[in-house]
Amino acid sequence: MLQQANDWREKHPEESIAPVAEMLDASPAQAKADASHVETFPTDDLVPKTGNGEIGRALTKLGDLFVHNKQWEKAPDPAEFYDGDLYRKVHAGQSAAGVPAVGALANLHG
């Protein structure tokens, strides 16, 4: 479901502003401003970039930026929050047994 949501957001950037703002308890203007700094990749692009390590390296750089900007004291290892193997398996249609229910994932941001 997360891959489908990501693909929808990539194809509908303007339509995604309101639901993202609501989910993050932000104004649509804030969500739009944040979105202007984000390049959303479709799942078909993310899967090979996950496999070759590009996504892990990008997440590491992003964490380093948050530390540099004093938003975080220490950047977590991307493997702590991004399971690239699972992401690739789900895309390939393989079982995702053990994955939390979507409702549980939706509560992570709060």
N, C-alpha and C. Protein backbone atom coordinates (compact mmCIF):
# COMPACT_ATOMS: atom_id res chain seq x y z
N MET A 1 0.81 -1.18 0.00
CA MET A 1 0.00 0.00 0.00
C MET A 1 0.87 1.26 0.00
N LEU A 2 1.99 1.24 0.72
CA LEU A 2 2.86 2.41 0.75
C LEU A 2 3.44 2.70 -0.63
N GLN A 3 3.77 1.65 -1.37
CA GLN A 3 4.29 1.86 -2.71
C GLN A 3 3.21 2.48 -3.60
N GLN A 4 1.98 2.02 -3.47
CA GLN A 4 0.88 2.58 -4.26
C GLN A 4 0.66 4.05 -3.90
N ALA A 5 0.72 4.37 -2.61
CA ALA A 5 0.54 5.76 -2.19
C ALA A 5 1.67 6.63 -2.73
N ASN A 6 2.89 6.13 -2.68
CA ASN A 6 4.02 6.88 -3.21
C ASN A 6 3.86 7.12 -4.71
N ASP A 7 3.44 6.09 -5.44
CA ASP A 7 3.27 6.24 -6.88
C ASP A 7 2.15 7.23 -7.21
N TRP A 8 1.07 7.21 -6.41
CA TRP A 8 -0.02 8.16 -6.63
C TRP A 8 0.48 9.58 -6.37
N ARG A 9 1.22 9.75 -5.29
CA ARG A 9 1.75 11.08 -4.96
C ARG A 9 2.69 11.59 -6.06
N GLU A 10 3.50 10.70 -6.60
CA GLU A 10 4.42 11.09 -7.67
C GLU A 10 3.67 11.55 -8.91
N LYS A 11 2.55 10.90 -9.21
CA LYS A 11 1.77 11.24 -10.40
C LYS A 11 0.80 12.40 -10.16
N HIS A 12 0.49 12.71 -8.91
CA HIS A 12 -0.50 13.74 -8.56
C HIS A 12 0.05 14.69 -7.49
N PRO A 13 1.12 15.40 -7.79
CA PRO A 13 1.75 16.22 -6.75
C PRO A 13 0.83 17.30 -6.17
N GLU A 14 0.04 17.95 -6.99
CA GLU A 14 -0.85 19.01 -6.49
C GLU A 14 -1.98 18.42 -5.65
N GLU A 15 -2.54 17.31 -6.09
CA GLU A 15 -3.64 16.68 -5.36
C GLU A 15 -3.17 16.10 -4.03
N SER A 16 -1.89 15.82 -3.90
CA SER A 16 -1.39 15.20 -2.66
C SER A 16 -1.17 16.21 -1.55
N ILE A 17 -1.16 17.49 -1.84
CA ILE A 17 -0.87 18.52 -0.84
C ILE A 17 -1.86 18.46 0.33
N ALA A 18 -3.16 18.48 0.05
CA ALA A 18 -4.16 18.52 1.12
C ALA A 18 -4.11 17.30 2.03
N PRO A 19 -4.08 16.07 1.49
CA PRO A 19 -4.03 14.93 2.41
C PRO A 19 -2.72 14.86 3.22
N VAL A 20 -1.62 15.27 2.62
CA VAL A 20 -0.36 15.28 3.36
C VAL A 20 -0.41 16.31 4.48
N ALA A 21 -0.94 17.48 4.17
CA ALA A 21 -1.08 18.53 5.19
C ALA A 21 -1.93 18.04 6.36
N GLU A 22 -3.03 17.39 6.03
CA GLU A 22 -3.91 16.88 7.08
C GLU A 22 -3.21 15.82 7.93
N MET A 23 -2.51 14.89 7.26
CA MET A 23 -1.83 13.83 7.99
C MET A 23 -0.77 14.39 8.93
N LEU A 24 -0.08 15.45 8.50
CA LEU A 24 1.01 16.02 9.28
C LEU A 24 0.55 17.15 10.19
N ASP A 25 -0.74 17.43 10.19
CA ASP A 25 -1.30 18.53 10.98
C ASP A 25 -0.58 19.84 10.65
N ALA A 26 -0.44 20.09 9.36
CA ALA A 26 0.22 21.29 8.86
C ALA A 26 -0.74 22.01 7.92
N SER A 27 -0.42 23.24 7.62
CA SER A 27 -1.26 23.97 6.67
C SER A 27 -0.93 23.49 5.26
N PRO A 28 -1.88 23.63 4.34
CA PRO A 28 -1.57 23.28 2.94
C PRO A 28 -0.38 24.08 2.40
N ALA A 29 -0.25 25.32 2.83
CA ALA A 29 0.89 26.13 2.37
C ALA A 29 2.21 25.53 2.85
N GLN A 30 2.24 25.04 4.11
CA GLN A 30 3.46 24.41 4.64
C GLN A 30 3.76 23.12 3.88
N ALA A 31 2.73 22.31 3.63
CA ALA A 31 2.92 21.06 2.91
C ALA A 31 3.41 21.32 1.49
N LYS A 32 2.86 22.35 0.86
CA LYS A 32 3.28 22.69 -0.51
C LYS A 32 4.73 23.17 -0.52
N ALA A 33 5.09 23.98 0.46
CA ALA A 33 6.47 24.47 0.54
C ALA A 33 7.43 23.31 0.75
N ASP A 34 7.08 22.39 1.65
CA ASP A 34 7.94 21.22 1.88
C ASP A 34 8.04 20.37 0.62
N ALA A 35 6.92 20.19 -0.07
CA ALA A 35 6.91 19.36 -1.29
C ALA A 35 7.78 19.96 -2.39
N SER A 36 7.95 21.28 -2.36
CA SER A 36 8.76 21.91 -3.41
C SER A 36 10.23 21.53 -3.30
N HIS A 37 10.62 20.97 -2.16
CA HIS A 37 12.02 20.56 -1.95
C HIS A 37 12.21 19.06 -2.11
N VAL A 38 11.17 18.36 -2.53
CA VAL A 38 11.20 16.90 -2.60
C VAL A 38 11.03 16.43 -4.03
N GLU A 39 11.85 15.49 -4.42
CA GLU A 39 11.65 14.81 -5.70
C GLU A 39 11.12 13.42 -5.38
N THR A 40 9.88 13.17 -5.78
CA THR A 40 9.26 11.88 -5.51
C THR A 40 9.54 10.95 -6.68
N PHE A 41 10.10 9.79 -6.37
CA PHE A 41 10.42 8.80 -7.40
C PHE A 41 9.36 7.71 -7.41
N PRO A 42 8.98 7.23 -8.58
CA PRO A 42 8.05 6.10 -8.62
C PRO A 42 8.74 4.83 -8.12
N THR A 43 7.93 3.91 -7.66
CA THR A 43 8.45 2.65 -7.12
C THR A 43 9.36 1.95 -8.13
N ASP A 44 9.00 1.99 -9.40
CA ASP A 44 9.82 1.32 -10.41
C ASP A 44 11.23 1.90 -10.48
N ASP A 45 11.42 3.14 -10.03
CA ASP A 45 12.76 3.73 -9.95
C ASP A 45 13.42 3.43 -8.60
N LEU A 46 12.60 3.41 -7.54
CA LEU A 46 13.15 3.19 -6.20
C LEU A 46 13.69 1.78 -6.01
N VAL A 47 13.06 0.80 -6.63
CA VAL A 47 13.48 -0.59 -6.43
C VAL A 47 14.92 -0.81 -6.89
N PRO A 48 15.29 -0.46 -8.12
CA PRO A 48 16.70 -0.67 -8.50
C PRO A 48 17.66 0.22 -7.71
N LYS A 49 17.23 1.43 -7.35
CA LYS A 49 18.09 2.31 -6.56
C LYS A 49 18.27 1.76 -5.14
N THR A 50 17.30 1.03 -4.66
CA THR A 50 17.44 0.35 -3.38
C THR A 50 18.45 -0.78 -3.51
N GLY A 51 18.31 -1.55 -4.57
CA GLY A 51 19.20 -2.70 -4.79
C GLY A 51 20.65 -2.33 -4.96
N ASN A 52 20.93 -1.19 -5.59
CA ASN A 52 22.33 -0.81 -5.81
C ASN A 52 22.90 0.06 -4.69
N GLY A 53 22.10 0.29 -3.63
CA GLY A 53 22.58 1.04 -2.47
C GLY A 53 22.38 2.54 -2.54
N GLU A 54 21.86 3.03 -3.66
CA GLU A 54 21.71 4.48 -3.81
C GLU A 54 20.76 5.07 -2.77
N ILE A 55 19.67 4.37 -2.48
CA ILE A 55 18.70 4.89 -1.51
C ILE A 55 19.33 4.93 -0.12
N GLY A 56 20.04 3.90 0.26
CA GLY A 56 20.72 3.90 1.56
C GLY A 56 21.69 5.05 1.69
N ARG A 57 22.46 5.30 0.64
CA ARG A 57 23.42 6.41 0.67
C ARG A 57 22.69 7.75 0.76
N ALA A 58 21.59 7.90 0.03
CA ALA A 58 20.82 9.15 0.07
C ALA A 58 20.22 9.37 1.45
N LEU A 59 19.70 8.31 2.07
CA LEU A 59 19.14 8.44 3.42
C LEU A 59 20.22 8.78 4.44
N THR A 60 21.41 8.24 4.25
CA THR A 60 22.54 8.58 5.13
C THR A 60 22.88 10.06 5.00
N LYS A 61 22.94 10.55 3.77
CA LYS A 61 23.24 11.97 3.54
C LYS A 61 22.15 12.86 4.14
N LEU A 62 20.91 12.45 4.01
CA LEU A 62 19.81 13.22 4.58
C LEU A 62 19.93 13.27 6.11
N GLY A 63 20.24 12.14 6.72
CA GLY A 63 20.46 12.11 8.16
C GLY A 63 21.60 13.01 8.58
N ASP A 64 22.69 12.99 7.81
CA ASP A 64 23.83 13.86 8.10
C ASP A 64 23.43 15.34 8.00
N LEU A 65 22.58 15.67 7.05
CA LEU A 65 22.09 17.04 6.92
C LEU A 65 21.29 17.45 8.15
N PHE A 66 20.43 16.56 8.64
CA PHE A 66 19.64 16.86 9.83
C PHE A 66 20.54 17.07 11.05
N VAL A 67 21.62 16.30 11.14
CA VAL A 67 22.57 16.49 12.24
C VAL A 67 23.28 17.84 12.07
N HIS A 68 23.73 18.12 10.86
CA HIS A 68 24.41 19.39 10.58
C HIS A 68 23.52 20.59 10.92
N ASN A 69 22.22 20.47 10.63
CA ASN A 69 21.27 21.56 10.89
C ASN A 69 20.75 21.54 12.33
N LYS A 70 21.33 20.67 13.14
CA LYS A 70 20.99 20.55 14.56
C LYS A 70 19.53 20.16 14.80
N GLN A 71 18.95 19.43 13.83
CA GLN A 71 17.60 18.90 13.99
C GLN A 71 17.66 17.56 14.71
N TRP A 72 18.76 16.85 14.55
CA TRP A 72 19.00 15.57 15.22
C TRP A 72 20.37 15.65 15.88
N GLU A 73 20.52 14.93 16.99
CA GLU A 73 21.84 14.82 17.60
C GLU A 73 22.70 13.81 16.87
N LYS A 74 22.07 12.73 16.44
CA LYS A 74 22.78 11.65 15.75
C LYS A 74 21.86 11.06 14.69
N ALA A 75 22.41 10.79 13.54
CA ALA A 75 21.61 10.20 12.46
C ALA A 75 21.52 8.69 12.64
N PRO A 76 20.32 8.14 12.52
CA PRO A 76 20.20 6.68 12.62
C PRO A 76 20.71 6.02 11.34
N ASP A 77 21.09 4.78 11.46
CA ASP A 77 21.44 3.98 10.29
C ASP A 77 20.15 3.78 9.50
N PRO A 78 20.14 4.04 8.19
CA PRO A 78 18.91 3.84 7.41
C PRO A 78 18.30 2.46 7.55
N ALA A 79 19.11 1.46 7.83
CA ALA A 79 18.58 0.10 8.01
C ALA A 79 17.66 0.01 9.22
N GLU A 80 17.74 0.99 10.13
CA GLU A 80 16.86 1.00 11.29
C GLU A 80 15.42 1.38 10.93
N PHE A 81 15.23 2.07 9.79
CA PHE A 81 13.89 2.52 9.44
C PHE A 81 13.49 2.22 8.00
N TYR A 82 14.39 1.71 7.20
CA TYR A 82 14.07 1.39 5.81
C TYR A 82 14.55 -0.02 5.51
N ASP A 83 13.61 -0.92 5.26
CA ASP A 83 13.94 -2.31 4.95
C ASP A 83 13.92 -2.48 3.44
N GLY A 84 15.06 -2.24 2.82
CA GLY A 84 15.16 -2.30 1.37
C GLY A 84 14.82 -3.66 0.79
N ASP A 85 15.22 -4.73 1.47
CA ASP A 85 14.90 -6.07 0.98
C ASP A 85 13.39 -6.28 0.96
N LEU A 86 12.72 -5.86 2.02
CA LEU A 86 11.27 -6.01 2.07
C LEU A 86 10.61 -5.15 1.00
N TYR A 87 11.10 -3.93 0.82
CA TYR A 87 10.56 -3.03 -0.20
C TYR A 87 10.63 -3.69 -1.58
N ARG A 88 11.76 -4.31 -1.88
CA ARG A 88 11.93 -4.97 -3.17
C ARG A 88 11.05 -6.22 -3.28
N LYS A 89 10.93 -6.99 -2.21
CA LYS A 89 10.08 -8.19 -2.23
C LYS A 89 8.62 -7.83 -2.47
N VAL A 90 8.15 -6.81 -1.78
CA VAL A 90 6.75 -6.40 -1.95
C VAL A 90 6.52 -5.96 -3.39
N HIS A 91 7.45 -5.22 -3.95
CA HIS A 91 7.31 -4.78 -5.34
C HIS A 91 7.26 -5.96 -6.29
N ALA A 92 8.01 -7.00 -5.96
CA ALA A 92 8.03 -8.19 -6.81
C ALA A 92 6.82 -9.10 -6.58
N GLY A 93 5.95 -8.70 -5.64
CA GLY A 93 4.75 -9.49 -5.38
C GLY A 93 4.97 -10.62 -4.40
N GLN A 94 6.13 -10.62 -3.73
CA GLN A 94 6.41 -11.67 -2.77
C GLN A 94 5.72 -11.37 -1.45
N SER A 95 5.58 -12.35 -0.63
CA SER A 95 4.91 -12.21 0.67
C SER A 95 5.63 -11.20 1.54
N ALA A 96 4.81 -10.45 2.24
CA ALA A 96 5.35 -9.48 3.20
C ALA A 96 4.92 -9.89 4.60
N ALA A 97 4.97 -11.18 4.89
CA ALA A 97 4.57 -11.67 6.21
C ALA A 97 5.39 -10.97 7.28
N GLY A 98 4.72 -10.62 8.35
CA GLY A 98 5.39 -9.95 9.45
C GLY A 98 5.37 -8.43 9.34
N VAL A 99 4.81 -7.91 8.26
CA VAL A 99 4.73 -6.46 8.11
C VAL A 99 3.56 -5.97 8.94
N PRO A 100 3.75 -4.88 9.72
CA PRO A 100 2.66 -4.37 10.54
C PRO A 100 1.46 -3.96 9.69
N ALA A 101 0.30 -4.03 10.27
CA ALA A 101 -0.90 -3.60 9.59
C ALA A 101 -0.78 -2.13 9.21
N VAL A 102 -1.44 -1.74 8.13
CA VAL A 102 -1.36 -0.36 7.65
C VAL A 102 -1.79 0.60 8.74
N GLY A 103 -2.79 0.26 9.52
CA GLY A 103 -3.22 1.14 10.60
C GLY A 103 -2.11 1.43 11.58
N ALA A 104 -1.30 0.43 11.88
CA ALA A 104 -0.17 0.63 12.78
C ALA A 104 0.87 1.54 12.15
N LEU A 105 1.11 1.39 10.87
CA LEU A 105 2.06 2.25 10.18
C LEU A 105 1.57 3.69 10.15
N ALA A 106 0.28 3.88 9.97
CA ALA A 106 -0.28 5.22 9.91
C ALA A 106 -0.10 5.94 11.23
N ASN A 107 -0.01 5.22 12.32
CA ASN A 107 0.14 5.85 13.63
C ASN A 107 1.58 6.21 13.97
N LEU A 108 2.54 5.82 13.14
CA LEU A 108 3.93 6.07 13.43
C LEU A 108 4.27 7.55 13.43
N HIS A 109 3.61 8.34 12.60
CA HIS A 109 3.95 9.75 12.51
C HIS A 109 3.52 10.55 13.72
N GLY A 110 2.59 10.04 14.51
CA GLY A 110 2.07 10.78 15.65
C GLY A 110 2.76 10.41 16.86
